[in-house]
PDB file of N, CA and C in Angstrom:
ATOM      1  N   MET A   1      37.361  96.010 109.522  1.00  0.00           N
ATOM      2  CA  MET A   1      38.468  95.115 109.237  1.00  0.00           C
ATOM      3  C   MET A   1      39.770  95.800 109.663  1.00  0.00           C
ATOM      4  N   LEU A   2      40.697  95.001 110.096  1.00  0.00           N
ATOM      5  CA  LEU A   2      41.958  95.519 110.632  1.00  0.00           C
ATOM      6  C   LEU A   2      42.709  96.389 109.631  1.00  0.00           C
ATOM      7  N   LEU A   3      42.857  95.919 108.408  1.00  0.00           N
ATOM      8  CA  LEU A   3      43.623  96.690 107.425  1.00  0.00           C
ATOM      9  C   LEU A   3      42.936  98.007 107.090  1.00  0.00           C
ATOM     10  N   GLU A   4      41.618  97.989 106.981  1.00  0.00           N
ATOM     11  CA  GLU A   4      40.889  99.226 106.691  1.00  0.00           C
ATOM     12  C   GLU A   4      41.073 100.254 107.799  1.00  0.00           C
ATOM     13  N   SER A   5      41.204  99.796 109.037  1.00  0.00           N
ATOM     14  CA  SER A   5      41.423 100.736 110.140  1.00  0.00           C
ATOM     15  C   SER A   5      42.788 101.404 110.046  1.00  0.00           C
ATOM     16  N   HIS A   6      43.682 100.832 109.224  1.00  0.00           N
ATOM     17  CA  HIS A   6      45.001 101.414 108.959  1.00  0.00           C
ATOM     18  C   HIS A   6      45.055 102.094 107.592  1.00  0.00           C
ATOM     19  N   GLY A   7      43.896 102.275 106.954  1.00  0.00           N
ATOM     20  CA  GLY A   7      43.841 102.967 105.668  1.00  0.00           C
ATOM     21  C   GLY A   7      44.209 102.113 104.470  1.00  0.00           C
ATOM     22  N   ILE A   8      44.160 100.792 104.617  1.00  0.00           N
ATOM     23  CA  ILE A   8      44.499  99.883 103.518  1.00  0.00           C
ATOM     24  C   ILE A   8      43.228  99.199 103.036  1.00  0.00           C
ATOM     25  N   ASP A   9      42.877  99.419 101.772  1.00  0.00           N
ATOM     26  CA  ASP A   9      41.726  98.743 101.179  1.00  0.00           C
ATOM     27  C   ASP A   9      42.095  97.308 100.856  1.00  0.00           C
ATOM     28  N   SER A  10      41.194  96.389 101.161  1.00  0.00           N
ATOM     29  CA  SER A  10      41.442  94.979 100.866  1.00  0.00           C
ATOM     30  C   SER A  10      40.111  94.280 100.622  1.00  0.00           C
ATOM     31  N   ILE A  11      40.193  93.080 100.074  1.00  0.00           N
ATOM     32  CA  ILE A  11      39.000  92.290  99.794  1.00  0.00           C
ATOM     33  C   ILE A  11      39.328  90.818 100.032  1.00  0.00           C
ATOM     34  N   LEU A  12      38.329  90.082 100.499  1.00  0.00           N
ATOM     35  CA  LEU A  12      38.484  88.642 100.700  1.00  0.00           C
ATOM     36  C   LEU A  12      37.906  87.898  99.507  1.00  0.00           C
ATOM     37  N   PHE A  13      38.630  86.903  99.032  1.00  0.00           N
ATOM     38  CA  PHE A  13      38.154  86.027  97.972  1.00  0.00           C
ATOM     39  C   PHE A  13      37.959  84.628  98.551  1.00  0.00           C
ATOM     40  N   ASP A  14      36.935  83.959  98.111  1.00  0.00           N
ATOM     41  CA  ASP A  14      36.628  82.566  98.461  1.00  0.00           C
ATOM     42  C   ASP A  14      36.097  82.392  99.879  1.00  0.00           C
ATOM     43  N   ALA A  15      35.764  83.460 100.575  1.00  0.00           N
ATOM     44  CA  ALA A  15      35.237  83.334 101.935  1.00  0.00           C
ATOM     45  C   ALA A  15      33.886  82.627 101.941  1.00  0.00           C
ATOM     46  N   GLU A  16      33.038  82.913 100.949  1.00  0.00           N
ATOM     47  CA  GLU A  16      31.719  82.294 100.890  1.00  0.00           C
ATOM     48  C   GLU A  16      31.822  80.794 100.637  1.00  0.00           C
ATOM     49  N   VAL A  17      32.696  80.408  99.725  1.00  0.00           N
ATOM     50  CA  VAL A  17      32.884  78.990  99.416  1.00  0.00           C
ATOM     51  C   VAL A  17      33.415  78.267 100.647  1.00  0.00           C
ATOM     52  N   HIS A  18      34.346  78.889 101.316  1.00  0.00           N
ATOM     53  CA  HIS A  18      34.954  78.299 102.509  1.00  0.00           C
ATOM     54  C   HIS A  18      33.889  78.026 103.566  1.00  0.00           C
ATOM     55  N   SER A  19      33.047  79.009 103.856  1.00  0.00           N
ATOM     56  CA  SER A  19      32.047  78.831 104.906  1.00  0.00           C
ATOM     57  C   SER A  19      30.885  77.955 104.445  1.00  0.00           C
ATOM     58  N   TYR A  20      30.511  78.047 103.180  1.00  0.00           N
ATOM     59  CA  TYR A  20      29.383  77.267 102.662  1.00  0.00           C
ATOM     60  C   TYR A  20      29.710  75.779 102.609  1.00  0.00           C
ATOM     61  N   LEU A  21      30.870  75.453 102.091  1.00  0.00           N
ATOM     62  CA  LEU A  21      31.246  74.051 101.942  1.00  0.00           C
ATOM     63  C   LEU A  21      31.917  73.479 103.183  1.00  0.00           C
ATOM     64  N   GLY A  22      32.419  74.352 104.048  1.00  0.00           N
ATOM     65  CA  GLY A  22      33.096  73.892 105.252  1.00  0.00           C
ATOM     66  C   GLY A  22      34.342  73.078 104.956  1.00  0.00           C
ATOM     67  N   VAL A  23      35.081  73.496 103.945  1.00  0.00           N
ATOM     68  CA  VAL A  23      36.235  72.707 103.512  1.00  0.00           C
ATOM     69  C   VAL A  23      37.524  73.059 104.251  1.00  0.00           C
ATOM     70  N   GLY A  24      37.484  74.025 105.127  1.00  0.00           N
ATOM     71  CA  GLY A  24      38.650  74.358 105.941  1.00  0.00           C
ATOM     72  C   GLY A  24      39.894  74.633 105.128  1.00  0.00           C
ATOM     73  N   ALA A  25      40.973  73.950 105.461  1.00  0.00           N
ATOM     74  CA  ALA A  25      42.277  74.193 104.840  1.00  0.00           C
ATOM     75  C   ALA A  25      42.326  73.781 103.372  1.00  0.00           C
ATOM     76  N   LEU A  26      41.365  73.006 102.905  1.00  0.00           N
ATOM     77  CA  LEU A  26      41.366  72.590 101.500  1.00  0.00           C
ATOM     78  C   LEU A  26      41.041  73.739 100.556  1.00  0.00           C
ATOM     79  N   MET A  27      40.336  74.747 101.053  1.00  0.00           N
ATOM     80  CA  MET A  27      39.969  75.901 100.237  1.00  0.00           C
ATOM     81  C   MET A  27      40.296  77.164 101.021  1.00  0.00           C
ATOM     82  N   PRO A  28      41.528  77.636 100.925  1.00  0.00           N
ATOM     83  CA  PRO A  28      41.918  78.803 101.721  1.00  0.00           C
ATOM     84  C   PRO A  28      41.197  80.074 101.273  1.00  0.00           C
ATOM     85  N   VAL A  29      41.013  80.965 102.217  1.00  0.00           N
ATOM     86  CA  VAL A  29      40.473  82.292 101.930  1.00  0.00           C
ATOM     87  C   VAL A  29      41.653  83.176 101.568  1.00  0.00           C
ATOM     88  N   ARG A  30      41.501  83.945 100.476  1.00  0.00           N
ATOM     89  CA  ARG A  30      42.589  84.818 100.026  1.00  0.00           C
ATOM     90  C   ARG A  30      42.254  86.264 100.353  1.00  0.00           C
ATOM     91  N   LEU A  31      43.220  86.970 100.885  1.00  0.00           N
ATOM     92  CA  LEU A  31      43.099  88.392 101.174  1.00  0.00           C
ATOM     93  C   LEU A  31      43.899  89.142 100.125  1.00  0.00           C
ATOM     94  N   MET A  32      43.255  90.054  99.422  1.00  0.00           N
ATOM     95  CA  MET A  32      43.922  90.806  98.367  1.00  0.00           C
ATOM     96  C   MET A  32      43.959  92.289  98.739  1.00  0.00           C
ATOM     97  N   ALA A  33      45.109  92.902  98.484  1.00  0.00           N
ATOM     98  CA  ALA A  33      45.296  94.339  98.681  1.00  0.00           C
ATOM     99  C   ALA A  33      46.119  94.860  97.507  1.00  0.00           C
ATOM    100  N   LEU A  34      46.147  96.155  97.355  1.00  0.00           N
ATOM    101  CA  LEU A  34      46.942  96.741  96.277  1.00  0.00           C
ATOM    102  C   LEU A  34      48.419  96.440  96.488  1.00  0.00           C
ATOM    103  N   ASP A  35      49.134  96.293  95.392  1.00  0.00           N
ATOM    104  CA  ASP A  35      50.556  95.956  95.464  1.00  0.00           C
ATOM    105  C   ASP A  35      51.340  96.979  96.281  1.00  0.00           C
ATOM    106  N   GLU A  36      50.991  98.257  96.147  1.00  0.00           N
ATOM    107  CA  GLU A  36      51.737  99.281  96.883  1.00  0.00           C
ATOM    108  C   GLU A  36      51.457  99.240  98.390  1.00  0.00           C
ATOM    109  N   ASP A  37      50.404  98.520  98.809  1.00  0.00           N
ATOM    110  CA  ASP A  37      50.085  98.379 100.230  1.00  0.00           C
ATOM    111  C   ASP A  37      50.575  97.055 100.815  1.00  0.00           C
ATOM    112  N   ARG A  38      51.179  96.225  99.984  1.00  0.00           N
ATOM    113  CA  ARG A  38      51.533  94.867 100.403  1.00  0.00           C
ATOM    114  C   ARG A  38      52.452  94.842 101.626  1.00  0.00           C
ATOM    115  N   ALA A  39      53.511  95.609 101.622  1.00  0.00           N
ATOM    116  CA  ALA A  39      54.462  95.586 102.744  1.00  0.00           C
ATOM    117  C   ALA A  39      53.798  96.039 104.041  1.00  0.00           C
ATOM    118  N   ASP A  40      53.018  97.105 103.968  1.00  0.00           N
ATOM    119  CA  ASP A  40      52.329  97.588 105.171  1.00  0.00           C
ATOM    120  C   ASP A  40      51.298  96.575 105.658  1.00  0.00           C
ATOM    121  N   ALA A  41      50.539  95.995 104.728  1.00  0.00           N
ATOM    122  CA  ALA A  41      49.529  95.001 105.103  1.00  0.00           C
ATOM    123  C   ALA A  41      50.185  93.790 105.755  1.00  0.00           C
ATOM    124  N   ARG A  42      51.262  93.321 105.168  1.00  0.00           N
ATOM    125  CA  ARG A  42      51.971  92.160 105.727  1.00  0.00           C
ATOM    126  C   ARG A  42      52.495  92.478 107.130  1.00  0.00           C
ATOM    127  N   ALA A  43      53.034  93.673 107.324  1.00  0.00           N
ATOM    128  CA  ALA A  43      53.554  94.060 108.639  1.00  0.00           C
ATOM    129  C   ALA A  43      52.437  94.097 109.681  1.00  0.00           C
ATOM    130  N   ILE A  44      51.293  94.646 109.317  1.00  0.00           N
ATOM    131  CA  ILE A  44      50.151  94.725 110.242  1.00  0.00           C
ATOM    132  C   ILE A  44      49.657  93.330 110.599  1.00  0.00           C
ATOM    133  N   LEU A  45      49.525  92.469 109.600  1.00  0.00           N
ATOM    134  CA  LEU A  45      49.036  91.114 109.850  1.00  0.00           C
ATOM    135  C   LEU A  45      50.055  90.276 110.620  1.00  0.00           C
ATOM    136  N   THR A  46      51.333  90.502 110.368  1.00  0.00           N
ATOM    137  CA  THR A  46      52.379  89.791 111.104  1.00  0.00           C
ATOM    138  C   THR A  46      52.381  90.224 112.567  1.00  0.00           C
ATOM    139  N   GLU A  47      52.256  91.525 112.784  1.00  0.00           N
ATOM    140  CA  GLU A  47      52.230  92.054 114.148  1.00  0.00           C
ATOM    141  C   GLU A  47      51.068  91.462 114.942  1.00  0.00           C
ATOM    142  N   GLY A  48      49.943  91.270 114.280  1.00  0.00           N
ATOM    143  CA  GLY A  48      48.772  90.692 114.939  1.00  0.00           C
ATOM    144  C   GLY A  48      48.767  89.173 114.953  1.00  0.00           C
ATOM    145  N   ASP A  49      49.845  88.553 114.476  1.00  0.00           N
ATOM    146  CA  ASP A  49      49.964  87.092 114.392  1.00  0.00           C
ATOM    147  C   ASP A  49      48.790  86.496 113.610  1.00  0.00           C
ATOM    148  N   LEU A  50      48.461  87.130 112.480  1.00  0.00           N
ATOM    149  CA  LEU A  50      47.305  86.738 111.678  1.00  0.00           C
ATOM    150  C   LEU A  50      47.659  86.103 110.341  1.00  0.00           C
ATOM    151  N   LEU A  51      48.938  85.900 110.071  1.00  0.00           N
ATOM    152  CA  LEU A  51      49.336  85.257 108.817  1.00  0.00           C
ATOM    153  C   LEU A  51      49.510  83.760 109.036  1.00  0.00           C
ATOM    154  N   PRO A  52      49.112  82.963 108.044  1.00  0.00           N
ATOM    155  CA  PRO A  52      49.337  81.515 108.173  1.00  0.00           C
ATOM    156  C   PRO A  52      50.823  81.201 108.060  1.00  0.00           C
ATOM    157  N   PRO A  53      51.240  80.051 108.544  1.00  0.00           N
ATOM    158  CA  PRO A  53      52.652  79.664 108.419  1.00  0.00           C
ATOM    159  C   PRO A  53      53.071  79.570 106.958  1.00  0.00           C
ATOM    160  N   GLY A  54      54.312  79.896 106.710  1.00  0.00           N
ATOM    161  CA  GLY A  54      54.847  79.746 105.360  1.00  0.00           C
ATOM    162  C   GLY A  54      54.962  80.967 104.670  1.00  0.00           C
TER     163      GLY A  54
END
């Protein structure tokens, strides 16, 4: 995973429900990281154009 390659531990929530039910945008997948890693994680994901709008 991208964040782990930068030394940031993270976990996905609701990925199984999303893929099992195929609900797309109705059931977003949540990415969780430690609060102290939030700024770095956001910067990495923004740089890779991987954050949803908003």
